Amino acid sequence: MEYTLKILPLLFQGLLVSIKVYLIVVVLIVPVAVLAAIGKVSGPRILKKILFLYTWVFRGTPLLLQLFFIYYAFPYLGIVWSPLTCVVVAFVLNVGAYETEIIRAGIESIDKGQYEAAKALGMTYVQTMRRIIIPQTIRRVLPATCNEAILTFKDTALIAAVAIGDLLRTAKELVTYDFKITPFFVACAFYLIISSILVQVFSRLEKKYSIYE
């Protein structure tokens, strides 16, 4: 117990890093995914091909490989970013690809008659998307989006592979230094607590806003 209390502050600092990365990624994913989904549905042909390639690559390769590529390979191309920037870019591009497809499917599920009705009322395409289509789409895809958001927090453990002192990396360093596995158990408890909180939060959001409520 004494050892556990001793390492708690260090692990808590690592947890804060994980939460920081998670919050930044979640905030950035929303506009990226919405714009990309709209582009796949109604953008020009060349844009649709680019976005298809984007989702195909980032959904078809492992997140860890993408993280390594951005962190280790980009410097050879003259692109030097901080570790935090590399992590955020990798996560946003990866999770954004999945969320793009979720939102695209949601947009395409909206009845075409609503577009025609909006046009008859004199609304522009942007107004139609902003006021009618996107609000309905968000409600339709909320369950899948909430599930993706929960998985994203657990995936933040992957940033332990690069030079960022997140929760898992901190626990691993303590285990290596002290030759005790207690830090792993504490880290596991932290992940379970945060994941459980996210589950409750997103469950409430689904019940309140989901179109299938």
N, C-alpha and C. Protein backbone atom coordinates (compact mmCIF):
# COMPACT_ATOMS: atom_id res chain seq x y z
N MET A 1 0.83 -1.21 0.00
CA MET A 1 0.00 0.00 0.00
C MET A 1 0.86 1.26 0.00
N GLU A 2 1.94 1.22 0.76
CA GLU A 2 2.83 2.37 0.83
C GLU A 2 3.44 2.67 -0.53
N TYR A 3 3.83 1.61 -1.24
CA TYR A 3 4.41 1.79 -2.57
C TYR A 3 3.37 2.35 -3.55
N THR A 4 2.16 1.85 -3.44
CA THR A 4 1.08 2.32 -4.31
C THR A 4 0.84 3.82 -4.12
N LEU A 5 0.78 4.25 -2.88
CA LEU A 5 0.58 5.67 -2.58
C LEU A 5 1.75 6.51 -3.09
N LYS A 6 2.93 5.92 -3.08
CA LYS A 6 4.13 6.62 -3.53
C LYS A 6 4.10 6.89 -5.03
N ILE A 7 3.61 5.90 -5.80
CA ILE A 7 3.63 6.04 -7.26
C ILE A 7 2.37 6.70 -7.83
N LEU A 8 1.35 6.87 -7.01
CA LEU A 8 0.10 7.46 -7.49
C LEU A 8 0.28 8.83 -8.14
N PRO A 9 1.05 9.74 -7.54
CA PRO A 9 1.21 11.06 -8.17
C PRO A 9 1.82 10.98 -9.57
N LEU A 10 2.81 10.10 -9.73
CA LEU A 10 3.45 9.95 -11.04
C LEU A 10 2.47 9.39 -12.07
N LEU A 11 1.72 8.37 -11.67
CA LEU A 11 0.75 7.77 -12.58
C LEU A 11 -0.39 8.74 -12.89
N PHE A 12 -0.74 9.54 -11.91
CA PHE A 12 -1.80 10.52 -12.14
C PHE A 12 -1.36 11.57 -13.16
N GLN A 13 -0.09 11.95 -13.11
CA GLN A 13 0.45 12.88 -14.10
C GLN A 13 0.38 12.27 -15.49
N GLY A 14 0.71 10.98 -15.58
CA GLY A 14 0.61 10.28 -16.86
C GLY A 14 -0.82 10.21 -17.34
N LEU A 15 -1.75 10.02 -16.40
CA LEU A 15 -3.17 9.98 -16.76
C LEU A 15 -3.62 11.32 -17.33
N LEU A 16 -3.15 12.41 -16.74
CA LEU A 16 -3.51 13.74 -17.23
C LEU A 16 -3.02 13.95 -18.66
N VAL A 17 -1.84 13.41 -18.97
CA VAL A 17 -1.31 13.51 -20.34
C VAL A 17 -2.22 12.75 -21.30
N SER A 18 -2.64 11.55 -20.90
CA SER A 18 -3.54 10.75 -21.74
C SER A 18 -4.86 11.47 -21.98
N ILE A 19 -5.40 12.05 -20.92
CA ILE A 19 -6.66 12.78 -21.03
C ILE A 19 -6.50 14.01 -21.92
N LYS A 20 -5.37 14.71 -21.78
CA LYS A 20 -5.11 15.89 -22.60
C LYS A 20 -5.11 15.53 -24.08
N VAL A 21 -4.38 14.47 -24.42
CA VAL A 21 -4.31 14.02 -25.81
C VAL A 21 -5.71 13.64 -26.30
N TYR A 22 -6.44 12.92 -25.48
CA TYR A 22 -7.78 12.47 -25.84
C TYR A 22 -8.71 13.63 -26.13
N LEU A 23 -8.72 14.63 -25.27
CA LEU A 23 -9.62 15.77 -25.45
C LEU A 23 -9.28 16.56 -26.71
N ILE A 24 -7.98 16.77 -26.96
CA ILE A 24 -7.58 17.48 -28.17
C ILE A 24 -8.05 16.74 -29.41
N VAL A 25 -7.83 15.42 -29.41
CA VAL A 25 -8.20 14.60 -30.56
C VAL A 25 -9.72 14.62 -30.78
N VAL A 26 -10.49 14.45 -29.72
CA VAL A 26 -11.95 14.42 -29.85
C VAL A 26 -12.48 15.73 -30.41
N VAL A 27 -11.93 16.85 -29.95
CA VAL A 27 -12.39 18.16 -30.43
C VAL A 27 -12.07 18.34 -31.92
N LEU A 28 -10.89 17.90 -32.34
CA LEU A 28 -10.47 18.10 -33.73
C LEU A 28 -11.14 17.13 -34.70
N ILE A 29 -11.51 15.96 -34.22
CA ILE A 29 -12.08 14.94 -35.10
C ILE A 29 -13.41 15.38 -35.69
N VAL A 30 -14.23 16.04 -34.88
CA VAL A 30 -15.59 16.39 -35.31
C VAL A 30 -15.61 17.21 -36.60
N PRO A 31 -14.93 18.37 -36.66
CA PRO A 31 -14.97 19.13 -37.92
C PRO A 31 -14.31 18.39 -39.08
N VAL A 32 -13.22 17.68 -38.80
CA VAL A 32 -12.53 16.93 -39.86
C VAL A 32 -13.46 15.89 -40.47
N ALA A 33 -14.12 15.11 -39.62
CA ALA A 33 -14.99 14.03 -40.10
C ALA A 33 -16.23 14.57 -40.81
N VAL A 34 -16.82 15.64 -40.27
CA VAL A 34 -18.02 16.21 -40.89
C VAL A 34 -17.70 16.75 -42.29
N LEU A 35 -16.63 17.52 -42.40
CA LEU A 35 -16.25 18.09 -43.70
C LEU A 35 -15.87 17.01 -44.70
N ALA A 36 -15.13 16.01 -44.23
CA ALA A 36 -14.73 14.92 -45.12
C ALA A 36 -15.94 14.12 -45.58
N ALA A 37 -16.89 13.89 -44.68
CA ALA A 37 -18.10 13.14 -45.04
C ALA A 37 -18.92 13.90 -46.08
N ILE A 38 -19.07 15.21 -45.88
CA ILE A 38 -19.80 16.02 -46.85
C ILE A 38 -19.09 15.99 -48.20
N GLY A 39 -17.76 16.05 -48.15
CA GLY A 39 -16.98 15.99 -49.38
C GLY A 39 -17.17 14.68 -50.12
N LYS A 40 -17.27 13.56 -49.39
CA LYS A 40 -17.46 12.26 -50.02
C LYS A 40 -18.85 12.13 -50.62
N VAL A 41 -19.82 12.82 -50.01
CA VAL A 41 -21.20 12.71 -50.48
C VAL A 41 -21.47 13.62 -51.67
N SER A 42 -21.01 14.88 -51.58
CA SER A 42 -21.41 15.85 -52.61
C SER A 42 -20.26 16.69 -53.17
N GLY A 43 -19.03 16.30 -52.89
CA GLY A 43 -17.90 17.05 -53.42
C GLY A 43 -17.62 16.73 -54.87
N PRO A 44 -16.73 17.49 -55.50
CA PRO A 44 -16.35 17.19 -56.90
C PRO A 44 -15.67 15.83 -56.99
N ARG A 45 -15.62 15.30 -58.17
CA ARG A 45 -15.13 13.94 -58.37
C ARG A 45 -13.70 13.74 -57.85
N ILE A 46 -12.83 14.71 -58.11
CA ILE A 46 -11.44 14.58 -57.68
C ILE A 46 -11.35 14.55 -56.16
N LEU A 47 -12.18 15.35 -55.49
CA LEU A 47 -12.19 15.37 -54.03
C LEU A 47 -12.68 14.04 -53.48
N LYS A 48 -13.70 13.48 -54.12
CA LYS A 48 -14.21 12.19 -53.68
C LYS A 48 -13.15 11.10 -53.77
N LYS A 49 -12.34 11.16 -54.83
CA LYS A 49 -11.28 10.17 -55.00
C LYS A 49 -10.20 10.33 -53.93
N ILE A 50 -9.86 11.59 -53.62
CA ILE A 50 -8.85 11.86 -52.59
C ILE A 50 -9.34 11.38 -51.23
N LEU A 51 -10.60 11.67 -50.92
CA LEU A 51 -11.15 11.26 -49.63
C LEU A 51 -11.33 9.75 -49.55
N PHE A 52 -11.65 9.13 -50.67
CA PHE A 52 -11.71 7.66 -50.69
C PHE A 52 -10.35 7.06 -50.37
N LEU A 53 -9.31 7.62 -50.98
CA LEU A 53 -7.95 7.15 -50.73
C LEU A 53 -7.57 7.35 -49.26
N TYR A 54 -7.95 8.51 -48.73
CA TYR A 54 -7.66 8.82 -47.32
C TYR A 54 -8.29 7.80 -46.38
N THR A 55 -9.60 7.56 -46.54
CA THR A 55 -10.27 6.61 -45.64
C THR A 55 -9.78 5.18 -45.87
N TRP A 56 -9.47 4.85 -47.11
CA TRP A 56 -8.99 3.51 -47.42
C TRP A 56 -7.65 3.24 -46.73
N VAL A 57 -6.73 4.19 -46.81
CA VAL A 57 -5.41 4.02 -46.22
C VAL A 57 -5.48 3.99 -44.70
N PHE A 58 -6.15 4.95 -44.10
CA PHE A 58 -6.13 5.06 -42.65
C PHE A 58 -7.04 4.07 -41.95
N ARG A 59 -8.02 3.50 -42.64
CA ARG A 59 -8.81 2.43 -42.05
C ARG A 59 -8.19 1.07 -42.30
N GLY A 60 -7.32 1.01 -43.30
CA GLY A 60 -6.74 -0.28 -43.68
C GLY A 60 -5.38 -0.56 -43.10
N THR A 61 -4.80 0.41 -42.39
CA THR A 61 -3.49 0.19 -41.76
C THR A 61 -3.60 0.45 -40.26
N PRO A 62 -2.72 -0.18 -39.47
CA PRO A 62 -2.80 -0.04 -38.00
C PRO A 62 -2.47 1.38 -37.54
N LEU A 63 -3.15 1.82 -36.51
CA LEU A 63 -2.89 3.14 -35.94
C LEU A 63 -1.45 3.25 -35.46
N LEU A 64 -0.92 2.19 -34.86
CA LEU A 64 0.45 2.24 -34.35
C LEU A 64 1.44 2.45 -35.49
N LEU A 65 1.21 1.81 -36.63
CA LEU A 65 2.08 1.99 -37.79
C LEU A 65 2.01 3.43 -38.28
N GLN A 66 0.81 3.99 -38.31
CA GLN A 66 0.64 5.39 -38.73
C GLN A 66 1.36 6.33 -37.77
N LEU A 67 1.28 6.03 -36.49
CA LEU A 67 1.96 6.85 -35.48
C LEU A 67 3.46 6.79 -35.66
N PHE A 68 3.99 5.59 -35.88
CA PHE A 68 5.43 5.44 -36.12
C PHE A 68 5.86 6.17 -37.38
N PHE A 69 5.03 6.07 -38.42
CA PHE A 69 5.40 6.71 -39.69
C PHE A 69 5.50 8.22 -39.52
N ILE A 70 4.50 8.82 -38.86
CA ILE A 70 4.51 10.26 -38.67
C ILE A 70 5.63 10.69 -37.74
N TYR A 71 5.88 9.90 -36.71
CA TYR A 71 6.87 10.28 -35.69
C TYR A 71 8.31 10.06 -36.17
N TYR A 72 8.54 8.92 -36.86
CA TYR A 72 9.91 8.58 -37.25
C TYR A 72 10.25 8.90 -38.70
N ALA A 73 9.26 8.77 -39.60
CA ALA A 73 9.56 8.94 -41.03
C ALA A 73 9.47 10.38 -41.50
N PHE A 74 8.56 11.15 -40.92
CA PHE A 74 8.40 12.53 -41.37
C PHE A 74 9.68 13.36 -41.28
N PRO A 75 10.48 13.20 -40.21
CA PRO A 75 11.73 13.98 -40.14
C PRO A 75 12.64 13.76 -41.35
N TYR A 76 12.60 12.54 -41.94
CA TYR A 76 13.40 12.28 -43.13
C TYR A 76 12.89 13.06 -44.33
N LEU A 77 11.62 13.47 -44.26
CA LEU A 77 11.02 14.25 -45.33
C LEU A 77 11.12 15.75 -45.06
N GLY A 78 11.81 16.10 -43.98
CA GLY A 78 11.97 17.50 -43.62
C GLY A 78 10.83 18.06 -42.79
N ILE A 79 9.94 17.17 -42.32
CA ILE A 79 8.80 17.59 -41.50
C ILE A 79 9.10 17.22 -40.05
N VAL A 80 9.38 18.20 -39.23
CA VAL A 80 9.74 17.94 -37.84
C VAL A 80 8.67 18.54 -36.93
N TRP A 81 7.95 17.68 -36.24
CA TRP A 81 6.90 18.10 -35.32
C TRP A 81 7.24 17.65 -33.90
N SER A 82 6.62 18.27 -32.93
CA SER A 82 6.78 17.83 -31.55
C SER A 82 6.09 16.48 -31.39
N PRO A 83 6.48 15.69 -30.37
CA PRO A 83 5.83 14.40 -30.15
C PRO A 83 4.32 14.52 -29.99
N LEU A 84 3.87 15.56 -29.28
CA LEU A 84 2.43 15.74 -29.07
C LEU A 84 1.72 15.99 -30.39
N THR A 85 2.31 16.82 -31.24
CA THR A 85 1.70 17.10 -32.54
C THR A 85 1.61 15.84 -33.39
N CYS A 86 2.67 15.04 -33.38
CA CYS A 86 2.68 13.78 -34.14
C CYS A 86 1.55 12.86 -33.68
N VAL A 87 1.40 12.75 -32.37
CA VAL A 87 0.37 11.88 -31.81
C VAL A 87 -1.02 12.39 -32.19
N VAL A 88 -1.24 13.68 -32.04
CA VAL A 88 -2.56 14.25 -32.35
C VAL A 88 -2.89 14.08 -33.83
N VAL A 89 -1.95 14.36 -34.71
CA VAL A 89 -2.18 14.22 -36.14
C VAL A 89 -2.52 12.76 -36.50
N ALA A 90 -1.74 11.82 -35.94
CA ALA A 90 -1.98 10.40 -36.23
C ALA A 90 -3.37 9.97 -35.77
N PHE A 91 -3.74 10.37 -34.57
CA PHE A 91 -5.05 9.98 -34.03
C PHE A 91 -6.19 10.63 -34.80
N VAL A 92 -6.05 11.92 -35.10
CA VAL A 92 -7.12 12.62 -35.81
C VAL A 92 -7.33 12.01 -37.20
N LEU A 93 -6.24 11.73 -37.90
CA LEU A 93 -6.36 11.15 -39.24
C LEU A 93 -6.94 9.74 -39.18
N ASN A 94 -6.51 8.95 -38.21
CA ASN A 94 -7.00 7.58 -38.10
C ASN A 94 -8.46 7.51 -37.68
N VAL A 95 -8.76 8.08 -36.53
CA VAL A 95 -10.13 8.02 -36.02
C VAL A 95 -11.06 8.83 -36.92
N GLY A 96 -10.53 9.93 -37.48
CA GLY A 96 -11.33 10.74 -38.39
C GLY A 96 -11.77 9.95 -39.62
N ALA A 97 -10.93 9.02 -40.08
CA ALA A 97 -11.30 8.20 -41.24
C ALA A 97 -12.51 7.32 -40.91
N TYR A 98 -12.49 6.71 -39.74
CA TYR A 98 -13.63 5.88 -39.32
C TYR A 98 -14.88 6.73 -39.14
N GLU A 99 -14.72 7.87 -38.48
CA GLU A 99 -15.86 8.74 -38.22
C GLU A 99 -16.41 9.34 -39.51
N THR A 100 -15.54 9.57 -40.48
CA THR A 100 -15.99 10.07 -41.78
C THR A 100 -16.98 9.10 -42.41
N GLU A 101 -16.65 7.82 -42.37
CA GLU A 101 -17.54 6.82 -42.97
C GLU A 101 -18.84 6.70 -42.19
N ILE A 102 -18.77 6.84 -40.87
CA ILE A 102 -19.98 6.79 -40.05
C ILE A 102 -20.92 7.94 -40.41
N ILE A 103 -20.36 9.15 -40.50
CA ILE A 103 -21.17 10.33 -40.81
C ILE A 103 -21.66 10.29 -42.25
N ARG A 104 -20.80 9.82 -43.15
CA ARG A 104 -21.23 9.70 -44.56
C ARG A 104 -22.46 8.80 -44.67
N ALA A 105 -22.43 7.67 -43.99
CA ALA A 105 -23.57 6.77 -44.03
C ALA A 105 -24.81 7.44 -43.43
N GLY A 106 -24.59 8.24 -42.39
CA GLY A 106 -25.71 8.95 -41.77
C GLY A 106 -26.32 9.97 -42.72
N ILE A 107 -25.46 10.71 -43.43
CA ILE A 107 -25.95 11.71 -44.39
C ILE A 107 -26.75 11.04 -45.50
N GLU A 108 -26.22 9.93 -46.00
CA GLU A 108 -26.90 9.25 -47.11
C GLU A 108 -28.19 8.57 -46.68
N SER A 109 -28.39 8.42 -45.37
CA SER A 109 -29.63 7.80 -44.88
C SER A 109 -30.78 8.80 -44.81
N ILE A 110 -30.47 10.09 -44.94
CA ILE A 110 -31.51 11.13 -44.90
C ILE A 110 -32.31 11.09 -46.20
N ASP A 111 -33.62 11.16 -46.08
CA ASP A 111 -34.49 11.11 -47.25
C ASP A 111 -34.18 12.26 -48.22
N LYS A 112 -34.08 11.93 -49.50
CA LYS A 112 -33.74 12.93 -50.52
C LYS A 112 -34.81 14.02 -50.63
N GLY A 113 -36.01 13.70 -50.20
CA GLY A 113 -37.08 14.68 -50.27
C GLY A 113 -36.82 15.90 -49.41
N GLN A 114 -36.01 15.72 -48.38
CA GLN A 114 -35.70 16.86 -47.51
C GLN A 114 -34.80 17.87 -48.22
N TYR A 115 -33.94 17.39 -49.08
CA TYR A 115 -33.12 18.30 -49.89
C TYR A 115 -34.02 19.11 -50.83
N GLU A 116 -34.97 18.41 -51.46
CA GLU A 116 -35.85 19.07 -52.41
C GLU A 116 -36.73 20.10 -51.70
N ALA A 117 -37.20 19.74 -50.51
CA ALA A 117 -38.04 20.67 -49.75
C ALA A 117 -37.26 21.93 -49.37
N ALA A 118 -36.03 21.73 -48.94
CA ALA A 118 -35.19 22.87 -48.56
C ALA A 118 -34.91 23.76 -49.77
N LYS A 119 -34.69 23.12 -50.92
CA LYS A 119 -34.43 23.90 -52.14
C LYS A 119 -35.66 24.70 -52.54
N ALA A 120 -36.83 24.08 -52.34
CA ALA A 120 -38.08 24.77 -52.67
C ALA A 120 -38.30 25.98 -51.77
N LEU A 121 -37.75 25.92 -50.57
CA LEU A 121 -37.87 27.04 -49.63
C LEU A 121 -36.82 28.12 -49.88
N GLY A 122 -35.97 27.89 -50.88
CA GLY A 122 -34.96 28.88 -51.23
C GLY A 122 -33.68 28.78 -50.43
N MET A 123 -33.46 27.67 -49.76
CA MET A 123 -32.26 27.50 -48.95
C MET A 123 -31.10 27.06 -49.84
N THR A 124 -29.92 27.56 -49.54
CA THR A 124 -28.73 27.14 -50.27
C THR A 124 -28.30 25.77 -49.78
N TYR A 125 -27.33 25.17 -50.49
CA TYR A 125 -26.84 23.85 -50.08
C TYR A 125 -26.22 23.91 -48.69
N VAL A 126 -25.42 24.94 -48.44
CA VAL A 126 -24.77 25.08 -47.13
C VAL A 126 -25.82 25.21 -46.03
N GLN A 127 -26.84 26.02 -46.26
CA GLN A 127 -27.91 26.18 -45.27
C GLN A 127 -28.65 24.87 -45.05
N THR A 128 -28.89 24.14 -46.11
CA THR A 128 -29.58 22.86 -46.01
C THR A 128 -28.80 21.88 -45.15
N MET A 129 -27.49 21.81 -45.40
CA MET A 129 -26.65 20.89 -44.63
C MET A 129 -26.57 21.32 -43.18
N ARG A 130 -26.38 22.62 -42.95
CA ARG A 130 -26.18 23.11 -41.58
C ARG A 130 -27.44 23.06 -40.74
N ARG A 131 -28.58 23.37 -41.34
CA ARG A 131 -29.81 23.49 -40.56
C ARG A 131 -30.67 22.23 -40.55
N ILE A 132 -30.55 21.42 -41.60
CA ILE A 132 -31.46 20.27 -41.72
C ILE A 132 -30.74 18.93 -41.70
N ILE A 133 -29.77 18.75 -42.59
CA ILE A 133 -29.16 17.43 -42.78
C ILE A 133 -28.21 17.05 -41.65
N ILE A 134 -27.25 17.92 -41.34
CA ILE A 134 -26.24 17.59 -40.33
C ILE A 134 -26.85 17.34 -38.95
N PRO A 135 -27.78 18.19 -38.47
CA PRO A 135 -28.39 17.91 -37.15
C PRO A 135 -29.05 16.53 -37.08
N GLN A 136 -29.76 16.15 -38.15
CA GLN A 136 -30.38 14.82 -38.16
C GLN A 136 -29.33 13.72 -38.24
N THR A 137 -28.29 13.97 -39.02
CA THR A 137 -27.22 12.98 -39.17
C THR A 137 -26.54 12.70 -37.84
N ILE A 138 -26.22 13.78 -37.10
CA ILE A 138 -25.55 13.61 -35.82
C ILE A 138 -26.37 12.74 -34.88
N ARG A 139 -27.68 12.95 -34.87
CA ARG A 139 -28.55 12.14 -34.01
C ARG A 139 -28.57 10.69 -34.46
N ARG A 140 -28.53 10.46 -35.75
CA ARG A 140 -28.56 9.09 -36.27
C ARG A 140 -27.28 8.33 -35.97
N VAL A 141 -26.15 9.03 -36.04
CA VAL A 141 -24.86 8.33 -35.88
C VAL A 141 -24.33 8.42 -34.46
N LEU A 142 -25.08 9.02 -33.56
CA LEU A 142 -24.59 9.22 -32.20
C LEU A 142 -24.14 7.94 -31.50
N PRO A 143 -24.91 6.84 -31.57
CA PRO A 143 -24.46 5.60 -30.90
C PRO A 143 -23.10 5.12 -31.39
N ALA A 144 -22.92 5.09 -32.72
CA ALA A 144 -21.65 4.63 -33.28
C ALA A 144 -20.52 5.59 -32.94
N THR A 145 -20.83 6.89 -32.94
CA THR A 145 -19.82 7.90 -32.62
C THR A 145 -19.38 7.81 -31.17
N CYS A 146 -20.33 7.59 -30.28
CA CYS A 146 -20.00 7.45 -28.85
C CYS A 146 -19.12 6.23 -28.62
N ASN A 147 -19.43 5.15 -29.30
CA ASN A 147 -18.62 3.94 -29.16
C ASN A 147 -17.20 4.19 -29.65
N GLU A 148 -17.07 4.90 -30.76
CA GLU A 148 -15.75 5.23 -31.31
C GLU A 148 -14.97 6.11 -30.35
N ALA A 149 -15.66 7.03 -29.68
CA ALA A 149 -15.01 7.93 -28.74
C ALA A 149 -14.45 7.17 -27.54
N ILE A 150 -15.19 6.17 -27.07
CA ILE A 150 -14.72 5.36 -25.95
C ILE A 150 -13.50 4.54 -26.35
N LEU A 151 -13.54 3.95 -27.53
CA LEU A 151 -12.40 3.16 -28.02
C LEU A 151 -11.16 4.04 -28.20
N THR A 152 -11.38 5.28 -28.60
CA THR A 152 -10.26 6.20 -28.82
C THR A 152 -9.49 6.45 -27.53
N PHE A 153 -10.19 6.57 -26.41
CA PHE A 153 -9.48 6.79 -25.15
C PHE A 153 -8.58 5.60 -24.82
N LYS A 154 -9.08 4.40 -25.01
CA LYS A 154 -8.26 3.21 -24.73
C LYS A 154 -7.06 3.14 -25.69
N ASP A 155 -7.27 3.61 -26.91
CA ASP A 155 -6.17 3.59 -27.89
C ASP A 155 -5.07 4.59 -27.56
N THR A 156 -5.35 5.54 -26.65
CA THR A 156 -4.30 6.50 -26.28
C THR A 156 -3.11 5.78 -25.64
N ALA A 157 -3.32 4.55 -25.19
CA ALA A 157 -2.21 3.77 -24.62
C ALA A 157 -1.10 3.56 -25.65
N LEU A 158 -1.44 3.67 -26.94
CA LEU A 158 -0.45 3.47 -27.99
C LEU A 158 0.61 4.56 -28.01
N ILE A 159 0.31 5.72 -27.43
CA ILE A 159 1.30 6.79 -27.47
C ILE A 159 2.48 6.50 -26.55
N ALA A 160 2.36 5.43 -25.76
CA ALA A 160 3.50 5.00 -24.93
C ALA A 160 4.67 4.58 -25.81
N ALA A 161 4.39 4.29 -27.10
CA ALA A 161 5.44 3.84 -28.01
C ALA A 161 6.34 4.98 -28.46
N VAL A 162 5.93 6.22 -28.23
CA VAL A 162 6.77 7.37 -28.60
C VAL A 162 7.10 8.15 -27.33
N ALA A 163 7.84 9.22 -27.50
CA ALA A 163 8.40 9.93 -26.34
C ALA A 163 7.41 10.86 -25.65
N ILE A 164 6.31 10.29 -25.18
CA ILE A 164 5.33 11.06 -24.41
C ILE A 164 5.01 10.29 -23.14
N GLY A 165 5.10 10.96 -22.01
CA GLY A 165 4.91 10.30 -20.72
C GLY A 165 3.46 10.12 -20.35
N ASP A 166 2.72 9.32 -21.13
CA ASP A 166 1.32 9.06 -20.81
C ASP A 166 1.21 8.05 -19.68
N LEU A 167 0.00 7.62 -19.40
CA LEU A 167 -0.23 6.70 -18.27
C LEU A 167 0.51 5.38 -18.44
N LEU A 168 0.38 4.76 -19.60
CA LEU A 168 1.00 3.45 -19.80
C LEU A 168 2.52 3.55 -19.80
N ARG A 169 3.07 4.57 -20.45
CA ARG A 169 4.52 4.73 -20.49
C ARG A 169 5.08 4.95 -19.09
N THR A 170 4.38 5.76 -18.29
CA THR A 170 4.82 6.01 -16.92
C THR A 170 4.80 4.72 -16.11
N ALA A 171 3.74 3.93 -16.27
CA ALA A 171 3.64 2.65 -15.55
C ALA A 171 4.75 1.71 -15.98
N LYS A 172 5.02 1.66 -17.28
CA LYS A 172 6.08 0.79 -17.78
C LYS A 172 7.44 1.19 -17.23
N GLU A 173 7.72 2.49 -17.17
CA GLU A 173 9.00 2.96 -16.64
C GLU A 173 9.15 2.64 -15.15
N LEU A 174 8.06 2.74 -14.41
CA LEU A 174 8.10 2.41 -12.98
C LEU A 174 8.34 0.92 -12.77
N VAL A 175 7.71 0.09 -13.60
CA VAL A 175 7.92 -1.36 -13.51
C VAL A 175 9.37 -1.71 -13.82
N THR A 176 9.92 -1.07 -14.84
CA THR A 176 11.31 -1.32 -15.23
C THR A 176 12.28 -0.87 -14.14
N TYR A 177 11.96 0.25 -13.51
CA TYR A 177 12.86 0.83 -12.50
C TYR A 177 12.75 0.11 -11.16
N ASP A 178 11.55 -0.23 -10.72
CA ASP A 178 11.34 -0.80 -9.39
C ASP A 178 11.19 -2.32 -9.37
N PHE A 179 11.05 -2.92 -10.55
CA PHE A 179 10.86 -4.37 -10.64
C PHE A 179 9.62 -4.83 -9.87
N LYS A 180 8.56 -4.04 -9.97
CA LYS A 180 7.28 -4.40 -9.36
C LYS A 180 6.19 -4.15 -10.41
N ILE A 181 5.15 -5.02 -10.40
CA ILE A 181 4.10 -4.88 -11.40
C ILE A 181 2.91 -4.06 -10.89
N THR A 182 3.03 -3.56 -9.67
CA THR A 182 1.95 -2.74 -9.10
C THR A 182 1.54 -1.59 -10.01
N PRO A 183 2.49 -0.86 -10.64
CA PRO A 183 2.09 0.25 -11.52
C PRO A 183 1.13 -0.17 -12.63
N PHE A 184 1.29 -1.39 -13.15
CA PHE A 184 0.39 -1.86 -14.19
C PHE A 184 -1.03 -2.03 -13.66
N PHE A 185 -1.15 -2.53 -12.42
CA PHE A 185 -2.47 -2.71 -11.82
C PHE A 185 -3.14 -1.35 -11.58
N VAL A 186 -2.35 -0.39 -11.13
CA VAL A 186 -2.89 0.95 -10.88
C VAL A 186 -3.30 1.60 -12.20
N ALA A 187 -2.46 1.45 -13.22
CA ALA A 187 -2.80 2.00 -14.54
C ALA A 187 -4.07 1.37 -15.08
N CYS A 188 -4.20 0.07 -14.88
CA CYS A 188 -5.41 -0.64 -15.31
C CYS A 188 -6.64 -0.06 -14.62
N ALA A 189 -6.51 0.20 -13.32
CA ALA A 189 -7.63 0.78 -12.57
C ALA A 189 -7.99 2.16 -13.11
N PHE A 190 -6.98 2.97 -13.44
CA PHE A 190 -7.23 4.30 -14.00
C PHE A 190 -7.98 4.20 -15.34
N TYR A 191 -7.52 3.29 -16.21
CA TYR A 191 -8.18 3.12 -17.50
C TYR A 191 -9.64 2.68 -17.33
N LEU A 192 -9.86 1.76 -16.39
CA LEU A 192 -11.22 1.27 -16.15
C LEU A 192 -12.12 2.39 -15.62
N ILE A 193 -11.58 3.20 -14.73
CA ILE A 193 -12.38 4.29 -14.15
C ILE A 193 -12.78 5.30 -15.22
N ILE A 194 -11.78 5.75 -16.00
CA ILE A 194 -12.07 6.76 -17.03
C ILE A 194 -13.00 6.19 -18.10
N SER A 195 -12.75 4.95 -18.51
CA SER A 195 -13.61 4.33 -19.52
C SER A 195 -15.04 4.20 -19.02
N SER A 196 -15.19 3.84 -17.75
CA SER A 196 -16.53 3.70 -17.17
C SER A 196 -17.24 5.04 -17.12
N ILE A 197 -16.51 6.09 -16.80
CA ILE A 197 -17.09 7.44 -16.78
C ILE A 197 -17.55 7.83 -18.18
N LEU A 198 -16.70 7.56 -19.18
CA LEU A 198 -17.06 7.88 -20.56
C LEU A 198 -18.29 7.10 -21.02
N VAL A 199 -18.36 5.83 -20.62
CA VAL A 199 -19.52 5.01 -20.98
C VAL A 199 -20.80 5.63 -20.43
N GLN A 200 -20.75 6.06 -19.18
CA GLN A 200 -21.93 6.67 -18.56
C GLN A 200 -22.30 7.98 -19.24
N VAL A 201 -21.30 8.81 -19.51
CA VAL A 201 -21.55 10.10 -20.15
C VAL A 201 -22.17 9.91 -21.53
N PHE A 202 -21.57 9.04 -22.34
CA PHE A 202 -22.07 8.85 -23.70
C PHE A 202 -23.40 8.11 -23.72
N SER A 203 -23.65 7.25 -22.73
CA SER A 203 -24.94 6.57 -22.64
C SER A 203 -26.05 7.59 -22.40
N ARG A 204 -25.77 8.57 -21.57
CA ARG A 204 -26.74 9.63 -21.31
C ARG A 204 -27.00 10.46 -22.57
N LEU A 205 -25.91 10.74 -23.30
CA LEU A 205 -26.06 11.50 -24.54
C LEU A 205 -26.92 10.74 -25.55
N GLU A 206 -26.68 9.43 -25.65
CA GLU A 206 -27.46 8.62 -26.58
C GLU A 206 -28.94 8.63 -26.20
N LYS A 207 -29.23 8.46 -24.93
CA LYS A 207 -30.62 8.42 -24.47
C LYS A 207 -31.32 9.77 -24.71
N LYS A 208 -30.54 10.85 -24.58
CA LYS A 208 -31.14 12.17 -24.69
C LYS A 208 -31.31 12.63 -26.13
N TYR A 209 -30.32 12.33 -26.98
CA TYR A 209 -30.31 12.92 -28.32
C TYR A 209 -30.48 11.93 -29.47
N SER A 210 -30.27 10.64 -29.22
CA SER A 210 -30.32 9.70 -30.33
C SER A 210 -31.71 9.67 -30.95
N ILE A 211 -31.76 9.61 -32.27
CA ILE A 211 -33.02 9.58 -33.00
C ILE A 211 -33.78 8.28 -32.77
N TYR A 212 -33.03 7.26 -32.28
CA TYR A 212 -33.65 5.97 -32.06
C TYR A 212 -34.20 5.83 -30.64
N GLU A 213 -34.12 6.92 -29.88
CA GLU A 213 -34.63 6.91 -28.50
C GLU A 213 -36.14 6.72 -28.52
